[in-house]
């Protein structure tokens, strides 16, 4: 091998015995400057009958193969001159084939791999196409070649599941299910309809569905009915974040309601409006000794004093705040007895929003207690939903659910490239 060929092979990282590189120079190809690497491909034997002597050369054809490059402003093109032969023994014409590109394809396998790697990252298809010197349609075609089968078989289910939904194609809500321990996606369905979810999980044998022990979820009204119907041995677990969120929203809604009844120039209004963040903190975390001078109130106060003074304007507001604080501390301490006492307390002393929340908790009391004492939650699933939102934001939304499903799977780095384009993608 001559030094030039050895240098070009090492530069491109091409290890193909059929190619013999002879030149590498910068030239113009289709109106743009490119780095053109010229190679010659020859046959030593007839690929049909393996004859090594009884053939003659029969012209050549030139193919241009786009290759990966570090700088997209200087794309690399491999120009291959394929010498054809005519075998006198089998009377067939043949041309050499290379390993850097598939048959009947002019895009190198290295570029295909780079496109797939780009699809696993937070890049748009347009930027991937520009980086690799191909069209957006080509990137979409290779995305279609990726299998996105989320459940390869219906032979097993994780012991701990998490249910949730996310907004996807056409602003519709899609159902997503995840393993609560390993944090792997179990299924993503095109909608979150009750019949769709039940139909999917009924494909698993009953003995498999009986192995599910817990299902974490938010306070969706029909998820509990689904779990009781298809997972007979599973315990419902309400996510702690959603419980705290419901209680906090009840207090916030009533605080705003009280503020609207006050004069905007009054001291009570300023206490509830200006320092609303202090009411959302744990009371024990508020500074109670070091005062600061407030120019709005024109009085030195500690954060704890501000909260106390603000709650004095309405007795129901103070009772709602006390319930919120007690509930948050009980969840943090896993004090199920305290939670039961709070749910059994007289709801007449609270605001209407909190009354509705407490009735909801009473209706799902067992699931609320499980959420307080068990370590399982929807936190891992909320993180996946955040990644899905970022995928949609980068692509300015998706109109095809299958494409969105494949991008999600590629983000999980579990991909399978199809061997045949005729194979359909199962989701």
Protein backbone atom coordinates (compact mmCIF):
# COMPACT_ATOMS: atom_id res chain seq x y z
CA UNK A 1 0.00 0.00 0.00
CA UNK A 2 1.39 3.39 -0.97
CA UNK A 3 1.76 6.13 1.72
CA UNK A 4 -0.99 8.27 0.16
CA UNK A 5 -3.55 5.49 0.36
CA UNK A 6 -2.52 4.64 3.92
CA UNK A 7 -2.81 8.30 4.98
CA UNK A 8 -6.27 8.74 3.46
CA UNK A 9 -7.56 5.49 4.99
CA UNK A 10 -6.39 6.56 8.45
CA UNK A 11 -7.82 10.04 7.92
CA UNK A 12 -11.27 8.71 6.99
CA UNK A 13 -11.05 5.61 9.23
CA UNK A 14 -12.01 3.41 6.27
CA UNK A 15 -10.90 -0.22 6.37
CA UNK A 16 -12.11 -1.65 3.09
CA UNK A 17 -9.74 -4.03 1.21
CA UNK A 18 -11.64 -3.39 -2.04
CA UNK A 19 -10.76 0.32 -2.08
CA UNK A 20 -7.40 1.73 -3.15
CA UNK A 21 -7.19 5.49 -2.47
CA UNK A 22 -5.13 7.45 -4.94
CA UNK A 23 -5.91 11.14 -4.31
CA UNK A 24 -7.43 13.61 -1.83
CA UNK A 25 -7.97 17.24 -2.80
CA UNK A 26 -10.36 20.17 -2.39
CA UNK A 27 -12.60 20.76 -5.38
CA UNK A 28 -16.09 21.94 -6.36
CA UNK A 29 -18.94 19.45 -6.52
CA UNK A 30 -22.52 20.46 -7.35
CA UNK A 31 -21.76 24.12 -6.77
CA UNK A 32 -20.06 23.82 -3.34
CA UNK A 33 -16.53 23.24 -2.15
CA UNK A 34 -15.89 19.71 -0.92
CA UNK A 35 -13.01 17.46 0.03
CA UNK A 36 -12.90 14.83 -2.71
CA UNK A 37 -11.18 11.54 -1.92
CA UNK A 38 -10.70 9.40 -5.02
CA UNK A 39 -10.51 5.60 -4.77
CA UNK A 40 -10.36 2.73 -7.24
CA UNK A 41 -12.28 -0.51 -6.71
CA UNK A 42 -11.29 -3.60 -8.69
CA UNK A 43 -12.23 -7.27 -8.71
CA UNK A 44 -9.65 -10.07 -8.50
CA UNK A 45 -12.14 -12.83 -9.16
CA UNK A 46 -15.60 -13.16 -10.63
CA UNK A 47 -18.12 -12.85 -7.74
CA UNK A 48 -20.48 -15.30 -9.50
CA UNK A 49 -18.34 -18.29 -10.48
CA UNK A 50 -15.15 -17.40 -8.54
CA UNK A 51 -13.08 -17.60 -11.71
CA UNK A 52 -9.71 -15.82 -11.24
CA UNK A 53 -8.37 -15.84 -14.83
CA UNK A 54 -11.13 -16.08 -17.39
CA UNK A 55 -12.44 -12.44 -17.37
CA UNK A 56 -11.77 -9.16 -19.13
CA UNK A 57 -12.20 -5.52 -18.00
CA UNK A 58 -15.35 -3.92 -19.28
CA UNK A 59 -15.19 -0.17 -18.55
CA UNK A 60 -15.93 1.50 -15.22
CA UNK A 61 -18.59 3.59 -13.48
CA UNK A 62 -18.10 6.43 -11.00
CA UNK A 63 -20.13 6.83 -7.79
CA UNK A 64 -19.97 9.69 -5.31
CA UNK A 65 -20.53 8.69 -1.68
CA UNK A 66 -21.14 11.39 1.00
CA UNK A 67 -19.02 10.70 4.08
CA UNK A 68 -18.86 12.10 7.59
CA UNK A 69 -16.79 15.22 8.23
CA UNK A 70 -15.79 17.23 11.28
CA UNK A 71 -16.69 20.52 9.57
CA UNK A 72 -20.04 20.69 7.80
CA UNK A 73 -18.81 23.63 5.69
CA UNK A 74 -16.26 21.25 4.10
CA UNK A 75 -18.17 18.04 3.38
CA UNK A 76 -16.26 14.91 2.42
CA UNK A 77 -17.12 13.01 -0.76
CA UNK A 78 -15.58 9.65 -1.64
CA UNK A 79 -15.34 9.27 -5.41
CA UNK A 80 -15.14 5.56 -6.24
CA UNK A 81 -14.20 4.35 -9.72
CA UNK A 82 -15.59 0.82 -9.99
CA UNK A 83 -13.93 -1.24 -12.72
CA UNK A 84 -16.37 -3.68 -14.30
CA UNK A 85 -15.50 -7.09 -15.66
CA UNK A 86 -17.03 -9.57 -18.08
CA UNK A 87 -16.53 -13.19 -17.10
CA UNK A 88 -16.09 -15.50 -20.08
CA UNK A 89 -16.80 -18.50 -17.94
CA UNK A 90 -20.28 -17.55 -16.68
CA UNK A 91 -20.85 -14.80 -19.27
CA UNK A 92 -21.98 -12.25 -16.69
CA UNK A 93 -21.05 -8.61 -16.07
CA UNK A 94 -20.00 -7.67 -12.55
CA UNK A 95 -18.92 -4.58 -10.58
CA UNK A 96 -17.13 -4.51 -7.21
CA UNK A 97 -19.03 -3.65 -4.01
CA UNK A 98 -17.71 -1.77 -0.97
CA UNK A 99 -18.32 -2.07 2.76
CA UNK A 100 -18.78 1.65 3.33
CA UNK A 101 -22.14 1.76 1.57
CA UNK A 102 -25.06 -0.66 1.16
CA UNK A 103 -26.16 -2.00 -2.17
CA UNK A 104 -28.37 0.35 -4.22
CA UNK A 105 -27.55 3.20 -1.80
CA UNK A 106 -25.24 6.19 -2.22
CA UNK A 107 -25.16 7.39 1.43
CA UNK A 108 -22.38 5.82 3.47
CA UNK A 109 -23.13 3.68 6.52
CA UNK A 110 -21.05 6.06 8.65
CA UNK A 111 -23.40 8.94 7.76
CA UNK A 112 -26.40 6.74 8.60
CA UNK A 113 -24.94 5.96 12.03
CA UNK A 114 -24.23 9.63 12.63
CA UNK A 115 -27.84 10.49 11.73
CA UNK A 116 -29.14 7.90 14.21
CA UNK A 117 -26.81 9.27 16.92
CA UNK A 118 -28.10 12.78 16.16
CA UNK A 119 -31.68 11.55 16.57
CA UNK A 120 -30.86 10.31 20.09
CA UNK A 121 -29.93 13.86 21.12
CA UNK A 122 -31.92 17.05 21.46
CA UNK A 123 -31.42 18.10 17.83
CA UNK A 124 -34.02 18.95 15.21
CA UNK A 125 -34.17 16.98 11.96
CA UNK A 126 -33.22 20.11 10.02
CA UNK A 127 -30.00 20.61 11.98
CA UNK A 128 -29.13 16.90 11.64
CA UNK A 129 -29.68 17.08 7.87
CA UNK A 130 -27.49 20.19 7.53
CA UNK A 131 -24.75 18.66 9.65
CA UNK A 132 -24.57 15.49 7.54
CA UNK A 133 -25.15 17.04 4.12
CA UNK A 134 -28.40 15.20 3.45
CA UNK A 135 -32.04 16.24 3.08
CA UNK A 136 -34.61 16.34 5.88
CA UNK A 137 -36.55 13.64 4.04
CA UNK A 138 -33.51 11.36 4.31
CA UNK A 139 -33.36 11.90 8.08
CA UNK A 140 -37.08 11.11 8.34
CA UNK A 141 -36.58 7.96 6.28
CA UNK A 142 -33.90 6.66 8.65
CA UNK A 143 -36.11 7.54 11.60
CA UNK A 144 -38.81 5.37 10.02
CA UNK A 145 -36.32 2.52 9.81
CA UNK A 146 -35.88 2.50 13.59
CA UNK A 147 -38.09 0.06 15.41
CA UNK A 148 -40.01 1.63 18.30
CA UNK A 149 -41.63 -1.41 19.89
CA UNK A 150 -42.11 -0.56 23.56
CA UNK A 151 -43.34 -3.94 24.77
CA UNK A 152 -41.57 -6.73 22.85
CA UNK A 153 -43.65 -9.40 24.60
CA UNK A 154 -46.56 -9.76 26.97
CA UNK A 155 -44.83 -12.30 29.20
CA UNK A 156 -43.94 -10.08 32.16
CA UNK A 157 -44.73 -6.84 33.96
CA UNK A 158 -42.77 -4.94 36.63
CA UNK A 159 -43.96 -5.31 40.21
CA UNK A 160 -44.23 -1.55 40.62
CA UNK A 161 -45.83 0.62 37.92
CA UNK A 162 -46.37 4.36 37.52
CA UNK A 163 -49.23 5.87 35.48
CA UNK A 164 -49.37 9.36 34.00
CA UNK A 165 -50.13 11.24 30.78
CA UNK A 166 -48.44 13.88 28.64
CA UNK A 167 -49.61 16.26 25.94
CA UNK A 168 -48.34 15.31 22.48
CA UNK A 169 -49.62 15.18 18.90
CA UNK A 170 -52.41 17.65 18.23
CA UNK A 171 -52.41 18.74 21.89
CA UNK A 172 -53.91 15.36 22.78
CA UNK A 173 -53.11 13.56 26.00
CA UNK A 174 -51.17 10.27 25.64
CA UNK A 175 -50.98 7.60 28.33
CA UNK A 176 -47.54 6.57 29.59
CA UNK A 177 -46.61 3.75 31.95
CA UNK A 178 -43.20 3.24 33.55
CA UNK A 179 -41.38 0.77 35.76
CA UNK A 180 -41.35 2.31 39.23
CA UNK A 181 -37.99 0.77 40.18
CA UNK A 182 -35.87 0.53 37.01
CA UNK A 183 -37.44 3.67 35.45
CA UNK A 184 -37.85 2.08 32.04
CA UNK A 185 -40.85 2.83 29.85
CA UNK A 186 -43.39 0.01 29.76
CA UNK A 187 -45.90 1.46 27.32
CA UNK A 188 -47.00 4.64 25.59
CA UNK A 189 -50.51 4.66 24.16
CA UNK A 190 -52.00 7.06 21.63
CA UNK A 191 -54.69 8.25 24.04
CA UNK A 192 -55.60 7.93 27.71
CA UNK A 193 -59.13 6.58 27.24
CA UNK A 194 -60.21 4.02 29.78
CA UNK A 195 -61.10 1.39 27.18
CA UNK A 196 -57.75 1.82 25.40
CA UNK A 197 -55.75 1.28 28.59
CA UNK A 198 -57.80 -1.73 29.68
CA UNK A 199 -57.59 -3.32 26.23
CA UNK A 200 -53.81 -2.96 26.20
CA UNK A 201 -53.16 -4.49 29.63
CA UNK A 202 -55.66 -7.31 29.08
CA UNK A 203 -53.22 -8.63 26.47
CA UNK A 204 -51.06 -9.75 29.40
CA UNK A 205 -52.10 -13.09 30.95
CA UNK A 206 -53.92 -12.91 34.27
CA UNK A 207 -51.05 -14.63 36.09
CA UNK A 208 -48.71 -11.86 34.88
CA UNK A 209 -51.11 -9.07 35.91
CA UNK A 210 -51.36 -10.58 39.39
CA UNK A 211 -47.62 -10.01 39.92
CA UNK A 212 -48.08 -6.21 39.96
CA UNK A 213 -47.91 -5.05 43.60
CA UNK A 214 -48.23 -1.24 43.43
CA UNK A 215 -49.39 1.36 40.91
CA UNK A 216 -48.35 4.99 41.53
CA UNK A 217 -50.54 7.68 39.98
CA UNK A 218 -52.04 11.11 40.42
CA UNK A 219 -55.65 11.68 41.47
CA UNK A 220 -57.09 10.84 38.06
CA UNK A 221 -60.69 9.79 38.60
CA UNK A 222 -60.66 6.56 36.55
CA UNK A 223 -57.09 5.26 37.00
CA UNK A 224 -58.20 3.65 40.26
CA UNK A 225 -61.04 1.80 38.50
CA UNK A 226 -58.60 0.56 35.83
CA UNK A 227 -56.11 -0.72 38.42
CA UNK A 228 -58.77 -2.54 40.42
CA UNK A 229 -60.11 -4.17 37.26
CA UNK A 230 -56.89 -5.42 35.65
CA UNK A 231 -54.43 -5.70 38.60
CA UNK A 232 -56.30 -7.60 41.35
CA UNK A 233 -53.32 -7.75 43.76
CA UNK A 234 -52.04 -4.19 43.26
CA UNK A 235 -52.17 -1.41 45.85
CA UNK A 236 -52.95 2.14 44.71
CA UNK A 237 -50.35 4.75 45.64
CA UNK A 238 -51.19 8.45 45.28
CA UNK A 239 -48.15 10.52 44.41
CA UNK A 240 -47.09 12.78 47.30
CA UNK A 241 -46.34 15.74 45.04
CA UNK A 242 -49.89 15.79 43.69
CA UNK A 243 -51.36 15.60 47.19
CA UNK A 244 -49.31 18.58 48.37
CA UNK A 245 -50.11 20.41 45.16
CA UNK A 246 -53.87 20.01 45.70
CA UNK A 247 -53.65 21.30 49.27
CA UNK A 248 -51.43 24.24 48.26
CA UNK A 249 -53.76 25.21 45.42
CA UNK A 250 -56.70 25.17 47.80
CA UNK A 251 -54.91 27.63 50.09
CA UNK A 252 -53.70 29.82 47.21
CA UNK A 253 -57.18 30.02 45.70
CA UNK A 254 -58.74 31.05 48.98
CA UNK A 255 -55.94 33.57 49.72
CA UNK A 256 -56.65 35.28 46.39
CA UNK A 257 -60.37 35.20 47.18
CA UNK A 258 -59.74 36.95 50.52
CA UNK A 259 -57.45 39.53 48.88
CA UNK A 260 -60.16 40.53 46.40
CA UNK A 261 -62.39 41.48 49.33
CA UNK A 262 -59.76 43.84 50.79
CA UNK A 263 -58.76 47.36 49.86
CA UNK A 264 -55.59 47.28 47.71
CA UNK A 265 -54.06 50.05 49.84
CA UNK A 266 -54.77 48.31 53.12
CA UNK A 267 -52.07 46.74 55.29
CA UNK A 268 -53.72 43.28 55.21
CA UNK A 269 -53.78 43.28 51.40
CA UNK A 270 -50.07 44.12 51.24
CA UNK A 271 -49.24 41.34 53.70
CA UNK A 272 -51.05 38.73 51.60
CA UNK A 273 -49.99 40.07 48.20
CA UNK A 274 -46.36 41.13 48.56
CA UNK A 275 -45.13 38.15 50.60
CA UNK A 276 -47.12 35.31 49.04
CA UNK A 277 -44.02 33.12 48.75
CA UNK A 278 -43.58 33.05 52.53
CA UNK A 279 -46.95 31.32 52.89
CA UNK A 280 -45.76 28.48 50.67
CA UNK A 281 -42.72 27.70 52.83
CA UNK A 282 -42.69 25.43 55.84
CA UNK A 283 -43.38 27.51 58.90
CA UNK A 284 -40.40 26.05 60.79
CA UNK A 285 -38.08 27.22 58.01
CA UNK A 286 -39.14 30.86 58.38
CA UNK A 287 -36.79 33.22 60.19
CA UNK A 288 -38.31 34.12 63.53
CA UNK A 289 -35.68 36.22 65.27
CA UNK A 290 -33.93 38.53 62.79
CA UNK A 291 -36.13 41.43 61.73
CA UNK A 292 -35.83 43.58 58.59
CA UNK A 293 -37.37 46.95 57.86
CA UNK A 294 -40.10 46.81 55.23
CA UNK A 295 -40.46 50.05 53.28
CA UNK A 296 -43.94 49.10 52.13
CA UNK A 297 -45.33 48.38 55.60
CA UNK A 298 -42.92 50.83 57.29
CA UNK A 299 -42.47 48.42 60.19
CA UNK A 300 -39.64 45.97 61.03
CA UNK A 301 -40.84 42.37 60.74
CA UNK A 302 -39.46 38.84 60.66
CA UNK A 303 -40.77 36.50 57.94
CA UNK A 304 -42.65 34.50 60.58
CA UNK A 305 -44.30 37.66 61.90
CA UNK A 306 -45.40 38.63 58.40
CA UNK A 307 -47.17 35.27 57.98
CA UNK A 308 -48.80 35.52 61.41
CA UNK A 309 -50.01 39.08 60.78
CA UNK A 310 -51.34 38.19 57.33
CA UNK A 311 -53.36 35.24 58.65
CA UNK A 312 -55.04 37.35 61.34
CA UNK A 313 -57.26 39.02 58.75
CA UNK A 314 -59.37 35.87 58.26
CA UNK A 315 -59.97 32.97 60.63
CA UNK A 316 -60.84 30.49 57.83
CA UNK A 317 -57.64 31.42 56.03
CA UNK A 318 -55.64 30.66 59.19
CA UNK A 319 -57.34 27.28 59.64
CA UNK A 320 -56.66 26.40 56.00
CA UNK A 321 -53.01 27.40 56.42
CA UNK A 322 -52.67 25.28 59.58
CA UNK A 323 -54.12 22.25 57.76
CA UNK A 324 -51.68 22.76 54.87
CA UNK A 325 -48.70 22.95 57.22
CA UNK A 326 -49.77 19.94 59.28
CA UNK A 327 -50.41 17.86 56.16
CA UNK A 328 -47.00 18.68 54.65
CA UNK A 329 -45.17 17.80 57.88
CA UNK A 330 -47.17 14.58 58.28
CA UNK A 331 -46.21 13.50 54.75
CA UNK A 332 -42.55 14.31 55.36
CA UNK A 333 -42.56 12.30 58.62
CA UNK A 334 -44.68 9.47 57.12
CA UNK A 335 -47.07 9.96 60.02
CA UNK A 336 -50.14 8.07 58.80
CA UNK A 337 -51.97 8.52 62.13
CA UNK A 338 -51.68 12.30 61.82
CA UNK A 339 -52.95 12.17 58.23
CA UNK A 340 -55.97 10.11 59.28
CA UNK A 341 -56.71 12.62 62.06
CA UNK A 342 -56.51 15.51 59.60
CA UNK A 343 -58.86 13.80 57.16
CA UNK A 344 -61.34 13.05 59.99
CA UNK A 345 -61.29 16.63 61.30
CA UNK A 346 -64.28 18.96 61.03
CA UNK A 347 -64.18 20.38 57.50
CA UNK A 348 -66.57 23.21 58.38
CA UNK A 349 -63.65 25.35 59.58
CA UNK A 350 -61.90 25.28 56.18
CA UNK A 351 -62.49 27.02 52.85
CA UNK A 352 -64.62 25.44 50.14
CA UNK A 353 -61.59 24.56 48.00
CA UNK A 354 -59.97 22.64 50.84
CA UNK A 355 -63.28 20.93 51.69
CA UNK A 356 -63.36 19.50 48.16
CA UNK A 357 -59.73 18.37 48.50
CA UNK A 358 -60.38 16.63 51.83
CA UNK A 359 -63.44 14.84 50.40
CA UNK A 360 -61.27 13.61 47.52
CA UNK A 361 -58.64 12.35 49.99
CA UNK A 362 -61.32 10.62 52.05
CA UNK A 363 -62.63 8.87 48.95
CA UNK A 364 -59.09 7.61 48.20
CA UNK A 365 -58.00 7.27 51.83
CA UNK A 366 -56.17 3.97 51.44
CA UNK A 367 -54.23 5.19 48.40
CA UNK A 368 -53.34 8.43 50.21
CA UNK A 369 -52.03 6.48 53.22
CA UNK A 370 -50.02 4.21 50.89
CA UNK A 371 -48.50 7.28 49.25
CA UNK A 372 -47.47 8.59 52.67
CA UNK A 373 -45.83 5.41 53.96
CA UNK A 374 -44.40 3.92 50.73
CA UNK A 375 -41.37 5.20 48.84
CA UNK A 376 -42.89 4.82 45.36
CA UNK A 377 -44.01 7.92 43.49
CA UNK A 378 -44.43 9.43 40.01
CA UNK A 379 -41.24 11.47 40.29
CA UNK A 380 -39.34 9.35 37.77
CA UNK A 381 -42.25 9.56 35.33
CA UNK A 382 -42.47 13.35 35.64
CA UNK A 383 -38.80 13.50 34.61
CA UNK A 384 -39.55 11.47 31.48
CA UNK A 385 -42.47 13.77 30.67
CA UNK A 386 -40.09 16.72 30.93
CA UNK A 387 -37.78 15.10 28.35
CA UNK A 388 -40.74 14.43 26.07
CA UNK A 389 -41.77 18.10 26.26
CA UNK A 390 -38.23 19.10 25.29
CA UNK A 391 -38.32 16.73 22.29
CA UNK A 392 -41.57 18.31 21.11
CA UNK A 393 -40.30 21.84 21.74
CA UNK A 394 -37.14 21.25 19.69
CA UNK A 395 -39.17 19.88 16.77
CA UNK A 396 -41.87 22.60 17.08
CA UNK A 397 -44.39 19.81 17.68
CA UNK A 398 -45.17 16.52 15.93
CA UNK A 399 -48.05 15.68 13.64
CA UNK A 400 -47.22 11.96 13.53
CA UNK A 401 -47.56 9.93 16.74
CA UNK A 402 -45.26 7.17 15.45
CA UNK A 403 -42.43 9.65 14.82
CA UNK A 404 -42.82 11.07 18.30
CA UNK A 405 -42.80 7.56 19.74
CA UNK A 406 -39.56 6.72 17.94
CA UNK A 407 -37.82 9.90 19.09
CA UNK A 408 -38.78 9.06 22.67
CA UNK A 409 -37.37 5.56 22.25
CA UNK A 410 -34.18 6.91 20.72
CA UNK A 411 -33.81 9.19 23.74
CA UNK A 412 -33.91 6.01 25.84
CA UNK A 413 -30.96 4.71 23.75
CA UNK A 414 -32.78 1.45 22.97
CA UNK A 415 -32.97 1.24 19.20
CA UNK A 416 -33.16 -1.44 16.56
CA UNK A 417 -32.42 -0.64 12.92
CA UNK A 418 -34.61 -2.53 10.47
CA UNK A 419 -33.02 -4.96 8.08
CA UNK A 420 -35.78 -4.52 5.55
CA UNK A 421 -37.71 -1.38 4.65
CA UNK A 422 -40.78 -3.53 4.05
CA UNK A 423 -41.01 -4.33 7.76
CA UNK A 424 -43.62 -2.23 9.55
CA UNK A 425 -42.98 -0.48 12.83
CA UNK A 426 -45.00 -1.76 15.77
CA UNK A 427 -45.72 0.59 18.60
